[in-house]
Amino acid sequence: MKLPALHLNRKTMVELLRLSLPMVVSQGAFAVMIFTDRYFMSQIEPVQMAAALGGGVASFFSISLFLAMSCSALRFIILDSFIAQ
């Protein structure tokens, strides 16, 4: 059971950066949006801020749970395809 070696040269890293840059920008924009939303809510009243924090944590937990399960399943599928070769 030998996995193929990774070839991390400059061309590979540039391609990886090109593919990942939109995701990095998207996550950064999401963080700025959440910060701005919470800042304006804190200007209204702290109760709204506390409610948004609890809702955000519940939303993150719900998304993370299913994302982790799907990533784990995908990892096993990819690993099995490498082993089968």
N, C-alpha and C. Protein backbone atom coordinates (compact mmCIF):
# COMPACT_ATOMS: atom_id res chain seq x y z
N MET A 1 0.84 -1.17 0.00
CA MET A 1 0.00 0.00 0.00
C MET A 1 0.89 1.24 0.00
N LYS A 2 1.35 1.62 -1.16
CA LYS A 2 2.21 2.79 -1.28
C LYS A 2 1.47 3.89 -2.02
N LEU A 3 1.37 5.04 -1.37
CA LEU A 3 0.71 6.18 -1.99
C LEU A 3 1.69 6.92 -2.90
N PRO A 4 1.19 7.54 -3.97
CA PRO A 4 2.09 8.27 -4.87
C PRO A 4 2.72 9.47 -4.17
N ALA A 5 3.95 9.75 -4.53
CA ALA A 5 4.66 10.88 -3.94
C ALA A 5 4.09 12.20 -4.47
N LEU A 6 4.11 13.21 -3.64
CA LEU A 6 3.65 14.53 -4.06
C LEU A 6 4.79 15.28 -4.73
N HIS A 7 4.49 15.91 -5.83
CA HIS A 7 5.48 16.71 -6.54
C HIS A 7 5.16 18.18 -6.32
N LEU A 8 5.79 18.77 -5.33
CA LEU A 8 5.53 20.16 -4.98
C LEU A 8 6.63 21.05 -5.57
N ASN A 9 6.46 21.40 -6.80
CA ASN A 9 7.40 22.33 -7.42
C ASN A 9 6.71 23.68 -7.57
N ARG A 10 7.38 24.62 -8.17
CA ARG A 10 6.84 25.98 -8.30
C ARG A 10 5.55 26.00 -9.12
N LYS A 11 5.50 25.23 -10.19
CA LYS A 11 4.32 25.21 -11.04
C LYS A 11 3.11 24.67 -10.29
N THR A 12 3.32 23.64 -9.49
CA THR A 12 2.24 23.07 -8.69
C THR A 12 1.73 24.07 -7.66
N MET A 13 2.64 24.76 -7.01
CA MET A 13 2.24 25.72 -5.99
C MET A 13 1.50 26.92 -6.60
N VAL A 14 1.92 27.37 -7.78
CA VAL A 14 1.23 28.47 -8.45
C VAL A 14 -0.19 28.03 -8.83
N GLU A 15 -0.33 26.83 -9.33
CA GLU A 15 -1.66 26.31 -9.68
C GLU A 15 -2.54 26.18 -8.45
N LEU A 16 -1.97 25.70 -7.36
CA LEU A 16 -2.72 25.59 -6.11
C LEU A 16 -3.17 26.96 -5.61
N LEU A 17 -2.29 27.94 -5.68
CA LEU A 17 -2.65 29.30 -5.27
C LEU A 17 -3.74 29.87 -6.18
N ARG A 18 -3.64 29.60 -7.48
CA ARG A 18 -4.64 30.10 -8.41
C ARG A 18 -6.01 29.50 -8.12
N LEU A 19 -6.04 28.24 -7.75
CA LEU A 19 -7.31 27.59 -7.43
C LEU A 19 -7.87 28.01 -6.08
N SER A 20 -7.00 28.26 -5.12
CA SER A 20 -7.47 28.55 -3.76
C SER A 20 -7.74 30.03 -3.50
N LEU A 21 -7.24 30.91 -4.34
CA LEU A 21 -7.41 32.35 -4.09
C LEU A 21 -8.87 32.77 -4.00
N PRO A 22 -9.77 32.33 -4.88
CA PRO A 22 -11.17 32.73 -4.71
C PRO A 22 -11.79 32.29 -3.39
N MET A 23 -11.39 31.12 -2.89
CA MET A 23 -11.92 30.66 -1.61
C MET A 23 -11.38 31.51 -0.46
N VAL A 24 -10.13 31.90 -0.54
CA VAL A 24 -9.53 32.74 0.50
C VAL A 24 -10.22 34.11 0.52
N VAL A 25 -10.44 34.68 -0.65
CA VAL A 25 -11.11 35.99 -0.74
C VAL A 25 -12.54 35.88 -0.22
N SER A 26 -13.22 34.80 -0.58
CA SER A 26 -14.60 34.60 -0.13
C SER A 26 -14.68 34.50 1.39
N GLN A 27 -13.79 33.74 1.99
CA GLN A 27 -13.81 33.61 3.45
C GLN A 27 -13.44 34.91 4.15
N GLY A 28 -12.52 35.67 3.55
CA GLY A 28 -12.17 36.98 4.11
C GLY A 28 -13.33 37.94 4.04
N ALA A 29 -14.04 37.95 2.92
CA ALA A 29 -15.21 38.82 2.79
C ALA A 29 -16.30 38.41 3.77
N PHE A 30 -16.47 37.11 3.98
CA PHE A 30 -17.45 36.63 4.95
C PHE A 30 -17.10 37.10 6.36
N ALA A 31 -15.83 37.05 6.72
CA ALA A 31 -15.40 37.50 8.05
C ALA A 31 -15.65 39.00 8.23
N VAL A 32 -15.38 39.79 7.19
CA VAL A 32 -15.64 41.24 7.27
C VAL A 32 -17.13 41.49 7.40
N MET A 33 -17.94 40.74 6.67
CA MET A 33 -19.39 40.91 6.74
C MET A 33 -19.91 40.59 8.15
N ILE A 34 -19.44 39.51 8.74
CA ILE A 34 -19.86 39.14 10.09
C ILE A 34 -19.44 40.20 11.10
N PHE A 35 -18.20 40.69 10.97
CA PHE A 35 -17.73 41.74 11.89
C PHE A 35 -18.58 42.99 11.77
N THR A 36 -18.87 43.41 10.55
CA THR A 36 -19.68 44.61 10.34
C THR A 36 -21.08 44.43 10.89
N ASP A 37 -21.66 43.27 10.66
CA ASP A 37 -23.00 42.98 11.17
C ASP A 37 -23.03 43.04 12.69
N ARG A 38 -22.06 42.42 13.32
CA ARG A 38 -22.03 42.42 14.79
C ARG A 38 -21.74 43.82 15.35
N TYR A 39 -20.92 44.59 14.65
CA TYR A 39 -20.62 45.95 15.11
C TYR A 39 -21.89 46.80 15.12
N PHE A 40 -22.65 46.74 14.02
CA PHE A 40 -23.87 47.55 13.96
C PHE A 40 -24.91 47.06 14.95
N MET A 41 -24.98 45.76 15.20
CA MET A 41 -25.90 45.25 16.21
C MET A 41 -25.51 45.70 17.60
N SER A 42 -24.22 45.80 17.86
CA SER A 42 -23.79 46.25 19.19
C SER A 42 -24.13 47.72 19.41
N GLN A 43 -24.28 48.49 18.34
CA GLN A 43 -24.67 49.89 18.46
C GLN A 43 -26.15 50.03 18.83
N ILE A 44 -26.97 49.06 18.46
CA ILE A 44 -28.40 49.11 18.77
C ILE A 44 -28.63 48.77 20.23
N GLU A 45 -28.29 47.53 20.58
CA GLU A 45 -28.48 47.07 21.95
C GLU A 45 -27.71 45.76 22.14
N PRO A 46 -27.13 45.55 23.30
CA PRO A 46 -26.35 44.33 23.54
C PRO A 46 -27.16 43.04 23.45
N VAL A 47 -28.46 43.12 23.65
CA VAL A 47 -29.29 41.92 23.57
C VAL A 47 -29.28 41.34 22.16
N GLN A 48 -29.36 42.21 21.14
CA GLN A 48 -29.30 41.74 19.76
C GLN A 48 -27.94 41.13 19.45
N MET A 49 -26.91 41.73 20.02
CA MET A 49 -25.57 41.20 19.81
C MET A 49 -25.44 39.80 20.38
N ALA A 50 -25.98 39.59 21.57
CA ALA A 50 -25.93 38.27 22.21
C ALA A 50 -26.74 37.25 21.42
N ALA A 51 -27.88 37.66 20.90
CA ALA A 51 -28.71 36.75 20.11
C ALA A 51 -28.00 36.36 18.81
N ALA A 52 -27.34 37.31 18.18
CA ALA A 52 -26.62 37.02 16.93
C ALA A 52 -25.45 36.09 17.19
N LEU A 53 -24.78 36.25 18.32
CA LEU A 53 -23.65 35.38 18.63
C LEU A 53 -24.11 33.93 18.81
N GLY A 54 -25.19 33.74 19.54
CA GLY A 54 -25.71 32.39 19.74
C GLY A 54 -26.18 31.75 18.44
N GLY A 55 -26.85 32.54 17.62
CA GLY A 55 -27.31 32.04 16.33
C GLY A 55 -26.15 31.71 15.41
N GLY A 56 -25.11 32.52 15.44
CA GLY A 56 -23.94 32.27 14.61
C GLY A 56 -23.21 31.00 15.02
N VAL A 57 -23.11 30.77 16.31
CA VAL A 57 -22.45 29.55 16.81
C VAL A 57 -23.28 28.32 16.43
N ALA A 58 -24.60 28.40 16.57
CA ALA A 58 -25.46 27.27 16.20
C ALA A 58 -25.38 26.99 14.70
N SER A 59 -25.35 28.03 13.89
CA SER A 59 -25.24 27.87 12.44
C SER A 59 -23.90 27.24 12.07
N PHE A 60 -22.82 27.72 12.67
CA PHE A 60 -21.50 27.17 12.39
C PHE A 60 -21.41 25.70 12.78
N PHE A 61 -21.98 25.36 13.93
CA PHE A 61 -21.97 23.96 14.37
C PHE A 61 -22.73 23.07 13.40
N SER A 62 -23.90 23.54 12.95
CA SER A 62 -24.71 22.74 12.03
C SER A 62 -23.99 22.51 10.71
N ILE A 63 -23.38 23.54 10.18
CA ILE A 63 -22.67 23.43 8.91
C ILE A 63 -21.41 22.58 9.08
N SER A 64 -20.68 22.79 10.16
CA SER A 64 -19.43 22.07 10.36
C SER A 64 -19.64 20.58 10.56
N LEU A 65 -20.70 20.22 11.21
CA LEU A 65 -20.96 18.81 11.45
C LEU A 65 -21.13 18.05 10.13
N PHE A 66 -21.96 18.56 9.23
CA PHE A 66 -22.18 17.87 7.95
C PHE A 66 -20.99 18.02 7.02
N LEU A 67 -20.30 19.14 7.09
CA LEU A 67 -19.11 19.32 6.26
C LEU A 67 -18.01 18.34 6.67
N ALA A 68 -17.83 18.15 7.96
CA ALA A 68 -16.81 17.21 8.44
C ALA A 68 -17.15 15.78 8.05
N MET A 69 -18.43 15.42 8.14
CA MET A 69 -18.82 14.07 7.75
C MET A 69 -18.62 13.83 6.26
N SER A 70 -18.96 14.82 5.44
CA SER A 70 -18.79 14.64 4.00
C SER A 70 -17.31 14.63 3.61
N CYS A 71 -16.49 15.44 4.26
CA CYS A 71 -15.05 15.43 3.98
C CYS A 71 -14.41 14.11 4.39
N SER A 72 -14.84 13.56 5.50
CA SER A 72 -14.30 12.27 5.93
C SER A 72 -14.69 11.17 4.95
N ALA A 73 -15.93 11.17 4.50
CA ALA A 73 -16.36 10.16 3.54
C ALA A 73 -15.60 10.31 2.23
N LEU A 74 -15.42 11.53 1.77
CA LEU A 74 -14.69 11.78 0.53
C LEU A 74 -13.24 11.35 0.65
N ARG A 75 -12.66 11.57 1.81
CA ARG A 75 -11.27 11.16 2.03
C ARG A 75 -11.12 9.66 1.88
N PHE A 76 -12.06 8.89 2.44
CA PHE A 76 -11.98 7.45 2.32
C PHE A 76 -12.20 6.98 0.87
N ILE A 77 -13.06 7.66 0.14
CA ILE A 77 -13.29 7.31 -1.27
C ILE A 77 -12.04 7.55 -2.08
N ILE A 78 -11.39 8.69 -1.88
CA ILE A 78 -10.16 9.01 -2.62
C ILE A 78 -9.04 8.06 -2.22
N LEU A 79 -8.91 7.79 -0.94
CA LEU A 79 -7.87 6.88 -0.46
C LEU A 79 -8.07 5.48 -1.05
N ASP A 80 -9.31 5.01 -1.10
CA ASP A 80 -9.57 3.70 -1.69
C ASP A 80 -9.24 3.67 -3.17
N SER A 81 -9.49 4.77 -3.87
CA SER A 81 -9.17 4.80 -5.30
C SER A 81 -7.65 4.76 -5.53
N PHE A 82 -6.87 5.39 -4.64
CA PHE A 82 -5.42 5.33 -4.75
C PHE A 82 -4.89 3.93 -4.44
N ILE A 83 -5.48 3.28 -3.46
CA ILE A 83 -5.04 1.95 -3.07
C ILE A 83 -5.39 0.95 -4.17
N ALA A 84 -6.54 1.13 -4.81
CA ALA A 84 -6.96 0.20 -5.86
C ALA A 84 -6.07 0.26 -7.09
N GLN A 85 -5.36 1.35 -7.30
CA GLN A 85 -4.51 1.48 -8.48
C GLN A 85 -3.28 0.71 -8.31
